């Protein structure tokens, strides 16, 4: 079986036992079914901008050509630093895009991927954001009205807790379980005064616990990129976050958005 098309972020189910898929051309590939099999992933040398479709020699901002990366709101710096959102100043690159993506309810959450961390996401992205990060546990703790507010509150939380995932540690195995309810209560007490002027709702939602389709984790995590390794011919050992875990190394699908590839099941 052979599939050909342009890479995009893997999609996943909402199931706590995560199921992954990938759209390539007109096909939807069931990736879970490929775990344990010999896979050949071949890069054609072509990269297409995911927005305008034009060929580009280099991918910017996860799958864009350079002109699109400097004009689209989804590629602006405030996407990485939500506390710098400037929609209310009237300087958003695409106000309609901002209204659809940023001026929507967001949640502040705790997650455990390589250890305890704080993060934010649109309410509509629950639970997909946590799956993309390879979290084994997640707990939404606050709901706010927009992205800017969530970013400003996250800045406060970052003074008390990490906000990054160590992707290498995440790909070595599941993190030791932590008591998210305990940390939620502890952190909310610590930041109560600092966030008192923000409008938010404390959530009493469920804790999510995820399992991933992984037969074996690597002892040593080595990254494979298509620019240097245009052909990956190896056993697919598992999938976690946005990574394909091959016997020969780990491959970040999302960072290769726009790359034209073929996937052949040996």
Protein backbone atom coordinates (compact mmCIF):
# COMPACT_ATOMS: atom_id res chain seq x y z
CA UNK A 1 0.00 0.00 0.00
CA UNK A 2 1.36 3.42 -0.98
CA UNK A 3 0.03 6.88 -0.17
CA UNK A 4 1.22 10.16 -1.70
CA UNK A 5 0.47 13.75 -0.79
CA UNK A 6 1.48 16.82 1.19
CA UNK A 7 2.08 16.46 4.91
CA UNK A 8 -0.12 18.23 7.43
CA UNK A 9 -0.59 17.86 11.16
CA UNK A 10 -1.80 14.42 12.18
CA UNK A 11 -5.41 14.41 13.28
CA UNK A 12 -6.58 12.42 16.26
CA UNK A 13 -9.71 11.07 17.88
CA UNK A 14 -11.15 12.40 21.13
CA UNK A 15 -10.69 8.97 22.66
CA UNK A 16 -8.51 8.70 25.75
CA UNK A 17 -6.88 5.78 23.94
CA UNK A 18 -5.62 7.97 21.12
CA UNK A 19 -6.22 7.07 17.47
CA UNK A 20 -4.18 8.90 14.82
CA UNK A 21 -4.77 9.58 11.15
CA UNK A 22 -3.06 11.48 8.35
CA UNK A 23 -4.49 13.01 5.21
CA UNK A 24 -2.33 12.40 2.15
CA UNK A 25 -3.84 13.39 -1.17
CA UNK A 26 -7.32 11.88 -1.31
CA UNK A 27 -6.51 9.24 1.30
CA UNK A 28 -7.00 9.18 5.05
CA UNK A 29 -4.31 6.94 6.48
CA UNK A 30 -5.06 4.97 9.66
CA UNK A 31 -1.70 5.42 11.38
CA UNK A 32 -2.47 3.23 14.38
CA UNK A 33 -2.78 0.30 11.98
CA UNK A 34 0.79 0.92 10.80
CA UNK A 35 2.43 0.66 14.23
CA UNK A 36 4.76 -2.33 14.26
CA UNK A 37 5.13 -2.37 10.47
CA UNK A 38 7.99 -1.51 8.14
CA UNK A 39 7.38 1.93 6.63
CA UNK A 40 9.16 3.79 3.86
CA UNK A 41 8.60 7.55 3.98
CA UNK A 42 10.08 9.33 0.96
CA UNK A 43 10.38 13.09 0.42
CA UNK A 44 9.99 14.26 -3.20
CA UNK A 45 11.94 17.48 -2.66
CA UNK A 46 8.86 19.66 -3.10
CA UNK A 47 7.38 21.94 -0.45
CA UNK A 48 4.03 23.65 -1.01
CA UNK A 49 2.68 26.54 1.04
CA UNK A 50 -0.37 25.31 2.92
CA UNK A 51 -2.11 28.66 2.41
CA UNK A 52 -1.49 29.75 -1.18
CA UNK A 53 -0.28 26.41 -2.58
CA UNK A 54 2.83 27.86 -4.21
CA UNK A 55 6.11 25.94 -4.15
CA UNK A 56 8.67 27.23 -1.69
CA UNK A 57 12.29 26.28 -1.12
CA UNK A 58 11.87 26.58 2.63
CA UNK A 59 8.92 26.18 4.97
CA UNK A 60 8.19 29.04 7.37
CA UNK A 61 5.86 28.99 10.38
CA UNK A 62 4.96 25.33 9.91
CA UNK A 63 4.15 25.07 6.24
CA UNK A 64 4.03 28.57 4.77
CA UNK A 65 5.99 30.37 2.09
CA UNK A 66 7.79 33.52 3.22
CA UNK A 67 5.23 36.05 1.84
CA UNK A 68 2.37 34.23 3.60
CA UNK A 69 4.37 33.96 6.82
CA UNK A 70 4.66 37.75 7.08
CA UNK A 71 1.07 38.60 6.15
CA UNK A 72 -1.09 35.95 7.82
CA UNK A 73 -2.39 36.41 11.36
CA UNK A 74 -1.80 32.72 12.11
CA UNK A 75 1.94 33.29 11.60
CA UNK A 76 2.23 36.42 13.77
CA UNK A 77 4.42 36.50 16.88
CA UNK A 78 1.36 36.72 19.10
CA UNK A 79 0.48 33.13 18.22
CA UNK A 80 3.60 32.04 20.12
CA UNK A 81 3.19 34.76 22.75
CA UNK A 82 -0.58 35.21 23.30
CA UNK A 83 0.00 37.85 25.94
CA UNK A 84 1.10 40.14 23.07
CA UNK A 85 -2.21 39.82 21.18
CA UNK A 86 -2.93 43.21 19.58
CA UNK A 87 -6.41 42.67 18.18
CA UNK A 88 -7.88 45.28 20.54
CA UNK A 89 -5.38 47.83 19.20
CA UNK A 90 -6.76 47.46 15.69
CA UNK A 91 -3.47 46.11 14.28
CA UNK A 92 -4.37 42.44 13.76
CA UNK A 93 -3.12 41.24 10.37
CA UNK A 94 -6.50 39.64 9.67
CA UNK A 95 -9.26 40.88 11.99
CA UNK A 96 -11.76 38.28 10.73
CA UNK A 97 -9.27 35.48 11.50
CA UNK A 98 -8.65 36.99 14.93
CA UNK A 99 -12.37 37.06 15.66
CA UNK A 100 -12.70 33.40 14.74
CA UNK A 101 -9.63 32.11 16.55
CA UNK A 102 -8.60 34.58 19.26
CA UNK A 103 -11.79 36.30 20.35
CA UNK A 104 -13.22 32.98 21.50
CA UNK A 105 -13.33 31.26 24.90
CA UNK A 106 -9.97 29.85 25.97
CA UNK A 107 -8.93 27.61 28.83
CA UNK A 108 -5.89 27.70 31.06
CA UNK A 109 -4.87 24.15 31.88
CA UNK A 110 -2.41 21.93 33.68
CA UNK A 111 -0.91 19.01 31.79
CA UNK A 112 1.68 16.32 32.27
CA UNK A 113 3.68 15.37 29.21
CA UNK A 114 7.33 15.47 30.30
CA UNK A 115 6.34 16.79 33.72
CA UNK A 116 3.85 19.26 35.14
CA UNK A 117 3.22 22.37 33.01
CA UNK A 118 0.70 25.13 32.44
CA UNK A 119 -0.71 26.03 29.05
CA UNK A 120 -3.61 27.62 27.18
CA UNK A 121 -5.82 26.61 24.29
CA UNK A 122 -9.11 27.48 22.65
CA UNK A 123 -12.02 25.75 24.31
CA UNK A 124 -12.82 24.15 20.96
CA UNK A 125 -9.35 22.54 20.92
CA UNK A 126 -10.01 20.43 24.02
CA UNK A 127 -8.68 17.70 24.14
CA UNK A 128 -6.72 17.87 20.87
CA UNK A 129 -4.15 20.37 22.15
CA UNK A 130 -3.07 17.97 24.89
CA UNK A 131 -2.83 15.05 22.50
CA UNK A 132 -0.63 17.16 20.18
CA UNK A 133 1.70 17.70 23.13
CA UNK A 134 1.82 14.02 24.07
CA UNK A 135 0.27 14.68 27.48
CA UNK A 136 -0.69 11.64 29.54
CA UNK A 137 -2.75 13.81 31.93
CA UNK A 138 -4.56 17.13 31.54
CA UNK A 139 -6.92 19.25 33.59
CA UNK A 140 -8.64 22.47 32.45
CA UNK A 141 -8.64 24.88 35.39
CA UNK A 142 -9.85 28.30 34.16
CA UNK A 143 -12.04 29.55 31.32
CA UNK A 144 -11.62 33.09 29.96
CA UNK A 145 -13.25 35.09 27.19
CA UNK A 146 -10.33 35.43 24.75
CA UNK A 147 -6.76 34.51 23.89
CA UNK A 148 -5.21 37.69 25.29
CA UNK A 149 -6.66 37.11 28.75
CA UNK A 150 -5.51 33.49 28.74
CA UNK A 151 -2.01 34.59 27.76
CA UNK A 152 -1.80 37.22 30.49
CA UNK A 153 -2.93 34.70 33.11
CA UNK A 154 -0.46 32.12 31.78
CA UNK A 155 2.36 34.63 32.27
CA UNK A 156 1.43 34.78 35.95
CA UNK A 157 1.33 30.99 36.28
CA UNK A 158 4.74 30.71 34.57
CA UNK A 159 6.30 32.38 37.59
CA UNK A 160 5.33 29.29 39.60
CA UNK A 161 5.40 26.40 37.14
CA UNK A 162 6.95 25.37 33.82
CA UNK A 163 5.18 26.15 30.55
CA UNK A 164 7.25 24.01 28.18
CA UNK A 165 7.30 20.36 27.21
CA UNK A 166 10.67 18.60 27.03
CA UNK A 167 9.90 16.70 23.82
CA UNK A 168 12.88 14.37 24.19
CA UNK A 169 11.76 13.34 27.67
CA UNK A 170 8.17 12.98 26.47
CA UNK A 171 9.30 10.57 23.75
CA UNK A 172 11.26 8.38 26.16
CA UNK A 173 8.11 7.23 27.93
CA UNK A 174 5.12 8.32 29.96
CA UNK A 175 5.80 10.88 32.67
CA UNK A 176 5.27 9.86 36.31
CA UNK A 177 1.68 10.57 37.29
CA UNK A 178 1.02 13.76 39.25
CA UNK A 179 -1.96 14.92 41.32
CA UNK A 180 -3.37 17.63 39.06
CA UNK A 181 -6.23 18.47 41.45
CA UNK A 182 -3.73 19.16 44.23
CA UNK A 183 -1.63 21.39 41.96
CA UNK A 184 -4.68 23.23 40.67
CA UNK A 185 -5.75 24.18 44.20
CA UNK A 186 -2.20 25.04 45.24
CA UNK A 187 -1.49 27.24 42.24
CA UNK A 188 -4.82 29.05 42.31
CA UNK A 189 -4.11 30.08 45.90
CA UNK A 190 -0.62 31.27 44.94
CA UNK A 191 -1.79 33.41 42.02
CA UNK A 192 -5.15 34.55 43.44
CA UNK A 193 -4.02 38.12 44.08
CA UNK A 194 -2.10 38.45 40.82
CA UNK A 195 -5.04 37.46 38.60
CA UNK A 196 -7.83 39.13 40.60
CA UNK A 197 -8.34 41.85 37.96
CA UNK A 198 -8.91 39.37 35.13
CA UNK A 199 -12.31 37.96 34.28
CA UNK A 200 -12.27 34.17 34.56
CA UNK A 201 -14.31 31.16 35.64
CA UNK A 202 -12.81 28.37 37.73
CA UNK A 203 -13.57 25.01 36.12
CA UNK A 204 -14.45 21.82 37.94
CA UNK A 205 -14.14 19.61 34.91
CA UNK A 206 -12.83 16.11 34.57
CA UNK A 207 -9.18 15.11 34.44
CA UNK A 208 -8.15 13.55 31.15
CA UNK A 209 -5.76 10.58 31.01
CA UNK A 210 -4.41 9.52 27.63
CA UNK A 211 -2.69 6.43 26.31
CA UNK A 212 -0.81 6.38 23.01
CA UNK A 213 -0.22 3.72 20.35
CA UNK A 214 3.40 2.95 21.24
CA UNK A 215 4.92 -0.53 21.15
CA UNK A 216 8.30 0.64 22.45
CA UNK A 217 9.94 3.93 23.40
CA UNK A 218 13.50 4.73 22.29
CA UNK A 219 16.29 4.60 24.85
CA UNK A 220 17.97 7.49 23.06
CA UNK A 221 15.91 10.07 21.20
CA UNK A 222 17.40 11.14 17.87
CA UNK A 223 15.49 13.38 15.49
CA UNK A 224 15.10 12.71 11.76
CA UNK A 225 14.45 15.57 9.31
CA UNK A 226 13.57 15.18 5.64
CA UNK A 227 15.94 17.91 4.45
CA UNK A 228 18.91 15.80 5.54
CA UNK A 229 17.26 12.38 5.37
CA UNK A 230 14.84 12.36 2.41
CA UNK A 231 14.04 8.67 2.87
CA UNK A 232 13.11 6.98 6.12
CA UNK A 233 12.92 3.20 5.85
CA UNK A 234 12.27 1.78 9.29
CA UNK A 235 9.82 0.08 11.65
CA UNK A 236 7.17 2.38 13.08
CA UNK A 237 7.37 1.73 16.82
CA UNK A 238 4.68 4.18 17.91
CA UNK A 239 3.00 7.57 17.71
CA UNK A 240 2.87 10.24 20.40
CA UNK A 241 2.19 13.95 20.23
CA UNK A 242 2.94 14.92 16.65
CA UNK A 243 5.81 12.44 16.37
CA UNK A 244 6.18 9.18 14.50
CA UNK A 245 8.54 7.02 16.55
CA UNK A 246 10.63 4.95 14.16
CA UNK A 247 13.22 2.41 15.18
CA UNK A 248 15.81 4.62 13.48
CA UNK A 249 14.67 7.89 15.14
CA UNK A 250 11.72 10.21 15.75
CA UNK A 251 10.00 12.27 13.06
CA UNK A 252 8.04 15.45 13.79
CA UNK A 253 5.14 15.45 11.33
CA UNK A 254 3.91 18.94 12.13
CA UNK A 255 7.29 20.60 11.53
CA UNK A 256 7.24 19.10 8.02
CA UNK A 257 3.88 20.59 7.08
CA UNK A 258 3.81 21.28 3.35
CA UNK A 259 6.41 18.64 2.42
CA UNK A 260 5.36 16.35 -0.41
CA UNK A 261 5.95 12.71 0.55
CA UNK A 262 4.94 9.18 -0.16
CA UNK A 263 4.36 6.58 2.54
CA UNK A 264 4.71 2.96 1.56
CA UNK A 265 3.87 0.04 3.83
CA UNK A 266 6.46 -2.67 3.30
